[in-house]
Amino acid sequence: MISISAIGQDSHRFLPDGDPAAKNRPLVLGGVVIGQGPPLEGNSDADVVLHALTNAISGLCGEPVLGEVADAMCRSGIADSRAYVSLALSLLGDIRLTHLSFSIEAKRPHLTGLIDRIREEIAGMVKLPVSRVAVTATTGEGLTSCGRGEGITCLCIASAVLPLQDHSSK
């Protein structure tokens, strides 16, 4: 087995107060509907955690999902970011995820009490034990726009293994 890893990142700003698009749109992080905080702006549900995961998985297999593919899915009515993760996972072939690590930067909402739910949701989605999904959160001491409460950003590192290829027939 060969160990490989990839990084994914995503950021979205909050919809402005009073924006009609925010009326029936929840804030979603890691597939979990969050009862506090304004929703994030985006074509889909704007789940920055699942978008960072999708980008990391795309990095492992070299097949982009976010961008043109996800935009086409949105136009056809698929706005749940779990569908993007599912598609990215289907592109992994014989690459097997072994660990995921997320770092979320946000001033709001306060995420401490939500981290376990997010870990459980993601673990179920990617079929890893919860112990193999790490999630941390920070305000970044307010040094960035996300740390000042203007949006949320997330980094994801995906670790995986790739079977050794049999080169004897070449």
N, C-alpha and C. Protein backbone atom coordinates (compact mmCIF):
# COMPACT_ATOMS: atom_id res chain seq x y z
N MET A 1 0.84 -1.18 0.00
CA MET A 1 0.00 0.00 0.00
C MET A 1 0.88 1.25 0.00
N ILE A 2 0.43 2.24 -0.71
CA ILE A 2 1.10 3.53 -0.75
C ILE A 2 0.18 4.54 -0.06
N SER A 3 0.73 5.28 0.89
CA SER A 3 -0.05 6.32 1.56
C SER A 3 -0.04 7.59 0.71
N ILE A 4 -1.21 8.19 0.57
CA ILE A 4 -1.34 9.45 -0.17
C ILE A 4 -2.22 10.39 0.64
N SER A 5 -2.14 11.67 0.34
CA SER A 5 -3.01 12.63 1.01
C SER A 5 -3.30 13.79 0.06
N ALA A 6 -4.35 14.51 0.36
CA ALA A 6 -4.73 15.67 -0.44
C ALA A 6 -5.41 16.67 0.47
N ILE A 7 -5.36 17.92 0.07
CA ILE A 7 -5.98 18.97 0.85
C ILE A 7 -7.13 19.58 0.05
N GLY A 8 -8.19 19.93 0.74
CA GLY A 8 -9.31 20.63 0.14
C GLY A 8 -9.64 21.85 0.98
N GLN A 9 -10.16 22.88 0.35
CA GLN A 9 -10.50 24.12 1.04
C GLN A 9 -11.77 24.68 0.43
N ASP A 10 -12.54 25.37 1.26
CA ASP A 10 -13.69 26.11 0.73
C ASP A 10 -14.05 27.21 1.72
N SER A 11 -14.61 28.28 1.19
CA SER A 11 -15.06 29.42 1.99
C SER A 11 -16.35 29.96 1.40
N HIS A 12 -17.23 30.41 2.27
CA HIS A 12 -18.45 31.10 1.84
C HIS A 12 -18.73 32.22 2.83
N ARG A 13 -19.26 33.32 2.30
CA ARG A 13 -19.68 34.42 3.17
C ARG A 13 -21.12 34.18 3.59
N PHE A 14 -21.49 34.79 4.72
CA PHE A 14 -22.88 34.72 5.17
C PHE A 14 -23.75 35.58 4.26
N LEU A 15 -24.99 35.15 4.04
CA LEU A 15 -25.96 35.99 3.35
C LEU A 15 -26.24 37.20 4.24
N PRO A 16 -26.39 38.37 3.65
CA PRO A 16 -26.67 39.57 4.46
C PRO A 16 -28.02 39.47 5.16
N ASP A 17 -28.10 40.11 6.32
CA ASP A 17 -29.38 40.17 7.04
C ASP A 17 -30.44 40.76 6.12
N GLY A 18 -31.60 40.16 6.11
CA GLY A 18 -32.70 40.67 5.30
C GLY A 18 -32.69 40.20 3.86
N ASP A 19 -31.68 39.46 3.44
CA ASP A 19 -31.62 38.95 2.07
C ASP A 19 -32.75 37.93 1.90
N PRO A 20 -33.60 38.10 0.88
CA PRO A 20 -34.71 37.16 0.68
C PRO A 20 -34.25 35.72 0.48
N ALA A 21 -33.05 35.52 -0.04
CA ALA A 21 -32.53 34.15 -0.25
C ALA A 21 -32.31 33.42 1.08
N ALA A 22 -32.19 34.17 2.17
CA ALA A 22 -31.93 33.56 3.48
C ALA A 22 -33.20 33.07 4.17
N LYS A 23 -34.34 33.44 3.64
CA LYS A 23 -35.61 33.20 4.34
C LYS A 23 -35.82 31.73 4.73
N ASN A 24 -35.73 30.82 3.81
CA ASN A 24 -35.99 29.41 4.10
C ASN A 24 -34.74 28.55 3.93
N ARG A 25 -33.59 29.15 4.10
CA ARG A 25 -32.34 28.45 3.87
C ARG A 25 -31.59 28.32 5.20
N PRO A 26 -31.31 27.08 5.64
CA PRO A 26 -30.59 26.91 6.90
C PRO A 26 -29.08 26.98 6.70
N LEU A 27 -28.38 27.19 7.80
CA LEU A 27 -26.93 27.05 7.82
C LEU A 27 -26.63 25.56 7.96
N VAL A 28 -25.82 25.02 7.04
CA VAL A 28 -25.48 23.59 7.05
C VAL A 28 -23.96 23.46 7.09
N LEU A 29 -23.48 22.66 8.05
CA LEU A 29 -22.04 22.40 8.17
C LEU A 29 -21.81 20.91 8.37
N GLY A 30 -21.05 20.31 7.50
CA GLY A 30 -20.76 18.88 7.61
C GLY A 30 -22.00 18.02 7.49
N GLY A 31 -22.99 18.51 6.75
CA GLY A 31 -24.23 17.76 6.57
C GLY A 31 -25.21 17.93 7.72
N VAL A 32 -24.85 18.73 8.72
CA VAL A 32 -25.70 18.95 9.89
C VAL A 32 -26.36 20.32 9.76
N VAL A 33 -27.67 20.35 9.90
CA VAL A 33 -28.39 21.62 9.89
C VAL A 33 -28.17 22.29 11.24
N ILE A 34 -27.64 23.50 11.19
CA ILE A 34 -27.29 24.25 12.40
C ILE A 34 -28.43 25.23 12.70
N GLY A 35 -28.94 25.20 13.90
CA GLY A 35 -30.07 26.04 14.25
C GLY A 35 -29.73 27.49 14.52
N GLN A 36 -28.46 27.80 14.57
CA GLN A 36 -28.05 29.17 14.88
C GLN A 36 -27.18 29.73 13.76
N GLY A 37 -27.24 31.01 13.58
CA GLY A 37 -26.39 31.64 12.57
C GLY A 37 -27.10 31.79 11.25
N PRO A 38 -26.72 32.81 10.49
CA PRO A 38 -27.32 33.02 9.17
C PRO A 38 -26.78 31.97 8.19
N PRO A 39 -27.52 31.73 7.11
CA PRO A 39 -27.04 30.78 6.11
C PRO A 39 -25.89 31.37 5.29
N LEU A 40 -25.16 30.48 4.65
CA LEU A 40 -24.04 30.88 3.80
C LEU A 40 -24.53 31.07 2.37
N GLU A 41 -23.87 31.97 1.66
CA GLU A 41 -24.20 32.28 0.27
C GLU A 41 -23.58 31.24 -0.65
N GLY A 42 -24.36 30.78 -1.63
CA GLY A 42 -23.84 29.83 -2.61
C GLY A 42 -24.94 29.26 -3.48
N ASN A 43 -24.54 28.61 -4.57
CA ASN A 43 -25.51 27.97 -5.47
C ASN A 43 -26.18 26.78 -4.80
N SER A 44 -25.41 26.05 -4.02
CA SER A 44 -25.92 24.86 -3.35
C SER A 44 -26.31 25.24 -1.93
N ASP A 45 -26.25 24.27 -1.01
CA ASP A 45 -26.49 24.57 0.41
C ASP A 45 -25.30 25.29 1.04
N ALA A 46 -24.21 25.46 0.28
CA ALA A 46 -23.01 26.20 0.70
C ALA A 46 -22.34 25.60 1.93
N ASP A 47 -22.41 24.29 2.05
CA ASP A 47 -21.80 23.58 3.18
C ASP A 47 -20.28 23.56 2.98
N VAL A 48 -19.59 24.51 3.60
CA VAL A 48 -18.14 24.65 3.39
C VAL A 48 -17.37 23.42 3.84
N VAL A 49 -17.87 22.72 4.84
CA VAL A 49 -17.17 21.53 5.34
C VAL A 49 -17.22 20.42 4.29
N LEU A 50 -18.41 20.17 3.74
CA LEU A 50 -18.52 19.12 2.72
C LEU A 50 -17.87 19.54 1.40
N HIS A 51 -17.84 20.84 1.12
CA HIS A 51 -17.14 21.30 -0.08
C HIS A 51 -15.64 21.09 0.06
N ALA A 52 -15.09 21.37 1.24
CA ALA A 52 -13.66 21.13 1.47
C ALA A 52 -13.37 19.64 1.37
N LEU A 53 -14.26 18.79 1.90
CA LEU A 53 -14.10 17.35 1.79
C LEU A 53 -14.14 16.91 0.33
N THR A 54 -15.10 17.41 -0.43
CA THR A 54 -15.20 17.07 -1.85
C THR A 54 -13.92 17.46 -2.58
N ASN A 55 -13.40 18.64 -2.29
CA ASN A 55 -12.15 19.08 -2.93
C ASN A 55 -10.97 18.19 -2.54
N ALA A 56 -10.91 17.76 -1.29
CA ALA A 56 -9.82 16.87 -0.86
C ALA A 56 -9.92 15.52 -1.57
N ILE A 57 -11.12 14.97 -1.66
CA ILE A 57 -11.30 13.70 -2.35
C ILE A 57 -10.95 13.86 -3.83
N SER A 58 -11.36 14.98 -4.42
CA SER A 58 -10.99 15.26 -5.81
C SER A 58 -9.47 15.30 -5.97
N GLY A 59 -8.78 15.83 -4.96
CA GLY A 59 -7.33 15.86 -4.99
C GLY A 59 -6.72 14.47 -4.95
N LEU A 60 -7.37 13.55 -4.27
CA LEU A 60 -6.86 12.17 -4.20
C LEU A 60 -6.99 11.46 -5.54
N CYS A 61 -8.11 11.67 -6.22
CA CYS A 61 -8.36 10.92 -7.46
C CYS A 61 -8.08 11.73 -8.72
N GLY A 62 -7.86 13.04 -8.57
CA GLY A 62 -7.55 13.87 -9.73
C GLY A 62 -8.75 14.20 -10.60
N GLU A 63 -9.95 14.04 -10.06
CA GLU A 63 -11.18 14.32 -10.80
C GLU A 63 -11.96 15.42 -10.10
N PRO A 64 -12.01 16.64 -10.65
CA PRO A 64 -12.73 17.73 -9.98
C PRO A 64 -14.25 17.51 -10.01
N VAL A 65 -14.86 17.81 -8.87
CA VAL A 65 -16.32 17.72 -8.76
C VAL A 65 -16.91 19.12 -8.59
N LEU A 66 -16.34 19.90 -7.66
CA LEU A 66 -16.84 21.27 -7.49
C LEU A 66 -16.43 22.09 -8.69
N GLY A 67 -17.25 23.06 -9.02
CA GLY A 67 -17.03 23.85 -10.23
C GLY A 67 -18.07 23.43 -11.25
N GLU A 68 -17.64 23.08 -12.45
CA GLU A 68 -18.58 22.79 -13.54
C GLU A 68 -19.53 21.65 -13.21
N VAL A 69 -19.02 20.56 -12.65
CA VAL A 69 -19.87 19.40 -12.36
C VAL A 69 -20.92 19.75 -11.31
N ALA A 70 -20.49 20.34 -10.19
CA ALA A 70 -21.43 20.70 -9.13
C ALA A 70 -22.40 21.78 -9.60
N ASP A 71 -21.91 22.73 -10.40
CA ASP A 71 -22.81 23.77 -10.92
C ASP A 71 -23.91 23.15 -11.78
N ALA A 72 -23.56 22.16 -12.60
CA ALA A 72 -24.57 21.47 -13.41
C ALA A 72 -25.55 20.72 -12.52
N MET A 73 -25.05 20.12 -11.44
CA MET A 73 -25.94 19.44 -10.50
C MET A 73 -26.91 20.42 -9.87
N CYS A 74 -26.41 21.61 -9.49
CA CYS A 74 -27.27 22.65 -8.91
C CYS A 74 -28.36 23.06 -9.90
N ARG A 75 -27.96 23.26 -11.16
CA ARG A 75 -28.96 23.66 -12.18
C ARG A 75 -30.03 22.59 -12.37
N SER A 76 -29.68 21.33 -12.11
CA SER A 76 -30.68 20.26 -12.24
C SER A 76 -31.45 20.02 -10.94
N GLY A 77 -31.19 20.89 -9.93
CA GLY A 77 -31.96 20.81 -8.69
C GLY A 77 -31.27 20.08 -7.55
N ILE A 78 -30.04 19.65 -7.72
CA ILE A 78 -29.32 18.94 -6.66
C ILE A 78 -28.44 19.96 -5.94
N ALA A 79 -28.90 20.40 -4.76
CA ALA A 79 -28.18 21.43 -4.01
C ALA A 79 -27.60 20.90 -2.70
N ASP A 80 -27.86 19.64 -2.36
CA ASP A 80 -27.36 19.04 -1.13
C ASP A 80 -25.91 18.60 -1.36
N SER A 81 -25.00 19.16 -0.59
CA SER A 81 -23.58 18.89 -0.79
C SER A 81 -23.20 17.44 -0.52
N ARG A 82 -24.06 16.69 0.15
CA ARG A 82 -23.79 15.25 0.32
C ARG A 82 -23.71 14.56 -1.04
N ALA A 83 -24.46 15.06 -2.01
CA ALA A 83 -24.41 14.47 -3.36
C ALA A 83 -23.04 14.69 -4.00
N TYR A 84 -22.40 15.83 -3.72
CA TYR A 84 -21.06 16.10 -4.26
C TYR A 84 -20.04 15.15 -3.63
N VAL A 85 -20.17 14.95 -2.32
CA VAL A 85 -19.27 14.01 -1.63
C VAL A 85 -19.46 12.61 -2.20
N SER A 86 -20.70 12.21 -2.37
CA SER A 86 -21.00 10.87 -2.91
C SER A 86 -20.39 10.69 -4.29
N LEU A 87 -20.53 11.69 -5.15
CA LEU A 87 -19.95 11.60 -6.48
C LEU A 87 -18.43 11.51 -6.40
N ALA A 88 -17.81 12.35 -5.57
CA ALA A 88 -16.35 12.32 -5.43
C ALA A 88 -15.89 10.95 -4.93
N LEU A 89 -16.60 10.39 -3.95
CA LEU A 89 -16.24 9.06 -3.44
C LEU A 89 -16.32 8.00 -4.54
N SER A 90 -17.30 8.12 -5.42
CA SER A 90 -17.46 7.14 -6.49
C SER A 90 -16.31 7.18 -7.49
N LEU A 91 -15.56 8.28 -7.50
CA LEU A 91 -14.44 8.45 -8.43
C LEU A 91 -13.11 7.95 -7.87
N LEU A 92 -13.11 7.50 -6.60
CA LEU A 92 -11.86 7.09 -5.96
C LEU A 92 -11.28 5.79 -6.52
N GLY A 93 -12.12 4.96 -7.13
CA GLY A 93 -11.60 3.68 -7.64
C GLY A 93 -11.08 2.83 -6.50
N ASP A 94 -9.81 2.39 -6.59
CA ASP A 94 -9.25 1.53 -5.54
C ASP A 94 -8.52 2.31 -4.45
N ILE A 95 -8.66 3.63 -4.45
CA ILE A 95 -8.11 4.46 -3.37
C ILE A 95 -9.05 4.32 -2.18
N ARG A 96 -8.48 4.07 -0.99
CA ARG A 96 -9.30 3.88 0.21
C ARG A 96 -8.97 4.96 1.24
N LEU A 97 -9.99 5.74 1.61
CA LEU A 97 -9.82 6.76 2.66
C LEU A 97 -9.44 6.10 3.96
N THR A 98 -8.52 6.73 4.71
CA THR A 98 -8.12 6.21 6.01
C THR A 98 -8.33 7.21 7.13
N HIS A 99 -8.29 8.50 6.83
CA HIS A 99 -8.43 9.52 7.87
C HIS A 99 -8.80 10.85 7.24
N LEU A 100 -9.61 11.63 7.95
CA LEU A 100 -9.97 12.98 7.53
C LEU A 100 -9.73 13.93 8.69
N SER A 101 -9.15 15.08 8.38
CA SER A 101 -8.94 16.10 9.39
C SER A 101 -9.44 17.44 8.85
N PHE A 102 -10.33 18.08 9.61
CA PHE A 102 -10.94 19.35 9.21
C PHE A 102 -10.54 20.44 10.20
N SER A 103 -10.30 21.62 9.68
CA SER A 103 -10.10 22.80 10.51
C SER A 103 -11.06 23.87 9.99
N ILE A 104 -11.98 24.28 10.85
CA ILE A 104 -13.00 25.26 10.49
C ILE A 104 -12.65 26.58 11.15
N GLU A 105 -12.67 27.66 10.37
CA GLU A 105 -12.46 28.98 10.94
C GLU A 105 -13.75 29.78 10.83
N ALA A 106 -14.26 30.18 12.00
CA ALA A 106 -15.51 30.93 12.05
C ALA A 106 -15.64 31.62 13.40
N LYS A 107 -16.10 32.84 13.38
CA LYS A 107 -16.42 33.52 14.64
C LYS A 107 -17.79 33.09 15.12
N ARG A 108 -18.68 32.84 14.15
CA ARG A 108 -20.04 32.41 14.46
C ARG A 108 -20.45 31.34 13.48
N PRO A 109 -21.28 30.41 13.84
CA PRO A 109 -21.77 30.16 15.18
C PRO A 109 -20.69 29.51 16.04
N HIS A 110 -20.93 29.44 17.34
CA HIS A 110 -20.01 28.77 18.24
C HIS A 110 -20.13 27.26 17.96
N LEU A 111 -19.04 26.62 17.58
CA LEU A 111 -19.11 25.24 17.06
C LEU A 111 -18.78 24.15 18.07
N THR A 112 -18.29 24.49 19.24
CA THR A 112 -17.83 23.47 20.19
C THR A 112 -18.87 22.37 20.41
N GLY A 113 -20.11 22.73 20.66
CA GLY A 113 -21.15 21.74 20.94
C GLY A 113 -21.65 20.99 19.71
N LEU A 114 -21.18 21.37 18.53
CA LEU A 114 -21.65 20.75 17.28
C LEU A 114 -20.62 19.80 16.66
N ILE A 115 -19.40 19.83 17.15
CA ILE A 115 -18.32 19.09 16.51
C ILE A 115 -18.58 17.59 16.49
N ASP A 116 -19.07 17.01 17.58
CA ASP A 116 -19.31 15.56 17.59
C ASP A 116 -20.38 15.17 16.57
N ARG A 117 -21.44 15.97 16.45
CA ARG A 117 -22.48 15.66 15.45
C ARG A 117 -21.92 15.74 14.04
N ILE A 118 -21.08 16.74 13.78
CA ILE A 118 -20.47 16.88 12.45
C ILE A 118 -19.56 15.69 12.17
N ARG A 119 -18.75 15.29 13.14
CA ARG A 119 -17.86 14.13 12.96
C ARG A 119 -18.67 12.87 12.65
N GLU A 120 -19.74 12.64 13.39
CA GLU A 120 -20.58 11.45 13.18
C GLU A 120 -21.21 11.46 11.80
N GLU A 121 -21.71 12.61 11.38
CA GLU A 121 -22.35 12.72 10.07
C GLU A 121 -21.35 12.41 8.95
N ILE A 122 -20.17 13.01 9.04
CA ILE A 122 -19.16 12.79 8.00
C ILE A 122 -18.68 11.34 8.02
N ALA A 123 -18.43 10.79 9.20
CA ALA A 123 -17.97 9.40 9.31
C ALA A 123 -18.97 8.45 8.64
N GLY A 124 -20.25 8.67 8.87
CA GLY A 124 -21.26 7.83 8.23
C GLY A 124 -21.27 7.99 6.72
N MET A 125 -21.08 9.21 6.28
CA MET A 125 -21.10 9.51 4.85
C MET A 125 -19.95 8.81 4.10
N VAL A 126 -18.77 8.80 4.71
CA VAL A 126 -17.58 8.25 4.03
C VAL A 126 -17.24 6.84 4.52
N LYS A 127 -18.05 6.33 5.43
CA LYS A 127 -17.88 4.97 5.96
C LYS A 127 -16.53 4.76 6.64
N LEU A 128 -16.20 5.71 7.52
CA LEU A 128 -15.03 5.61 8.38
C LEU A 128 -15.50 5.60 9.83
N PRO A 129 -14.74 4.99 10.73
CA PRO A 129 -15.07 5.13 12.15
C PRO A 129 -14.96 6.61 12.56
N VAL A 130 -15.77 7.02 13.50
CA VAL A 130 -15.74 8.41 13.97
C VAL A 130 -14.33 8.78 14.45
N SER A 131 -13.62 7.81 15.00
CA SER A 131 -12.26 8.08 15.49
C SER A 131 -11.30 8.47 14.38
N ARG A 132 -11.67 8.25 13.12
CA ARG A 132 -10.83 8.60 11.98
C ARG A 132 -11.25 9.91 11.32
N VAL A 133 -12.16 10.63 11.96
CA VAL A 133 -12.61 11.93 11.46
C VAL A 133 -12.37 12.96 12.56
N ALA A 134 -11.44 13.87 12.31
CA ALA A 134 -11.10 14.91 13.29
C ALA A 134 -11.65 16.24 12.81
N VAL A 135 -12.25 16.99 13.73
CA VAL A 135 -12.77 18.32 13.41
C VAL A 135 -12.33 19.27 14.53
N THR A 136 -11.68 20.36 14.13
CA THR A 136 -11.34 21.41 15.07
C THR A 136 -11.95 22.71 14.56
N ALA A 137 -12.12 23.65 15.48
CA ALA A 137 -12.68 24.95 15.10
C ALA A 137 -11.90 26.05 15.80
N THR A 138 -11.77 27.17 15.13
CA THR A 138 -11.04 28.31 15.66
C THR A 138 -11.65 29.61 15.15
N THR A 139 -11.42 30.67 15.87
CA THR A 139 -11.79 31.99 15.37
C THR A 139 -10.61 32.64 14.67
N GLY A 140 -9.44 32.01 14.77
CA GLY A 140 -8.24 32.60 14.16
C GLY A 140 -7.90 33.95 14.76
N GLU A 141 -8.38 34.17 15.99
CA GLU A 141 -8.13 35.43 16.70
C GLU A 141 -8.61 36.66 15.92
N GLY A 142 -9.58 36.43 15.02
CA GLY A 142 -10.18 37.55 14.29
C GLY A 142 -9.28 38.17 13.24
N LEU A 143 -8.25 37.46 12.81
CA LEU A 143 -7.30 38.02 11.84
C LEU A 143 -7.81 37.99 10.40
N THR A 144 -8.83 37.17 10.11
CA THR A 144 -9.35 37.08 8.75
C THR A 144 -10.84 37.46 8.75
N SER A 145 -11.41 37.57 7.57
CA SER A 145 -12.83 37.91 7.47
C SER A 145 -13.70 36.83 8.13
N CYS A 146 -13.30 35.58 8.03
CA CYS A 146 -14.08 34.53 8.68
C CYS A 146 -13.94 34.61 10.19
N GLY A 147 -12.76 34.92 10.66
CA GLY A 147 -12.54 35.10 12.09
C GLY A 147 -13.26 36.32 12.65
N ARG A 148 -13.61 37.24 11.77
CA ARG A 148 -14.37 38.43 12.18
C ARG A 148 -15.88 38.23 12.03
N GLY A 149 -16.31 37.06 11.57
CA GLY A 149 -17.74 36.76 11.50
C GLY A 149 -18.41 37.04 10.18
N GLU A 150 -17.64 37.22 9.10
CA GLU A 150 -18.23 37.52 7.80
C GLU A 150 -18.57 36.27 6.99
N GLY A 151 -18.06 35.13 7.40
CA GLY A 151 -18.30 33.88 6.70
C GLY A 151 -17.61 32.74 7.43
N ILE A 152 -17.48 31.62 6.74
CA ILE A 152 -16.84 30.43 7.31
C ILE A 152 -15.90 29.86 6.26
N THR A 153 -14.74 29.40 6.70
CA THR A 153 -13.81 28.70 5.82
C THR A 153 -13.44 27.36 6.45
N CYS A 154 -13.11 26.40 5.62
CA CYS A 154 -12.76 25.08 6.12
C CYS A 154 -11.63 24.49 5.27
N LEU A 155 -10.68 23.89 5.95
CA LEU A 155 -9.62 23.10 5.31
C LEU A 155 -9.85 21.64 5.66
N CYS A 156 -9.58 20.76 4.72
CA CYS A 156 -9.71 19.32 4.96
C CYS A 156 -8.48 18.63 4.40
N ILE A 157 -7.87 17.79 5.20
CA ILE A 157 -6.81 16.92 4.72
C ILE A 157 -7.36 15.50 4.71
N ALA A 158 -7.32 14.87 3.56
CA ALA A 158 -7.79 13.50 3.40
C ALA A 158 -6.58 12.60 3.22
N SER A 159 -6.48 11.59 4.06
CA SER A 159 -5.42 10.60 3.94
C SER A 159 -6.04 9.32 3.41
N ALA A 160 -5.26 8.62 2.59
CA ALA A 160 -5.79 7.42 1.94
C ALA A 160 -4.64 6.47 1.64
N VAL A 161 -5.00 5.27 1.23
CA VAL A 161 -4.01 4.31 0.76
C VAL A 161 -4.39 3.86 -0.65
N LEU A 162 -3.35 3.59 -1.40
CA LEU A 162 -3.49 3.13 -2.77
C LEU A 162 -2.77 1.81 -2.86
N PRO A 163 -3.42 0.76 -3.37
CA PRO A 163 -2.72 -0.53 -3.49
C PRO A 163 -1.51 -0.42 -4.40
N LEU A 164 -0.46 -1.17 -4.08
CA LEU A 164 0.70 -1.24 -4.96
C LEU A 164 0.27 -1.86 -6.28
N GLN A 165 0.74 -1.27 -7.36
CA GLN A 165 0.41 -1.80 -8.69
C GLN A 165 1.36 -2.92 -9.04
N ASP A 166 0.86 -3.94 -9.69
CA ASP A 166 1.71 -5.04 -10.16
C ASP A 166 2.36 -4.62 -11.46
N HIS A 167 3.65 -4.32 -11.41
CA HIS A 167 4.39 -3.85 -12.57
C HIS A 167 5.12 -4.99 -13.28
N SER A 168 4.93 -6.23 -12.81
CA SER A 168 5.69 -7.35 -13.41
C SER A 168 5.26 -7.65 -14.83
N SER A 169 4.04 -7.29 -15.23
CA SER A 169 3.60 -7.58 -16.59
C SER A 169 3.99 -6.50 -17.58
N LYS A 170 4.67 -5.46 -17.14
CA LYS A 170 5.04 -4.35 -18.04
C LYS A 170 6.41 -4.54 -18.63
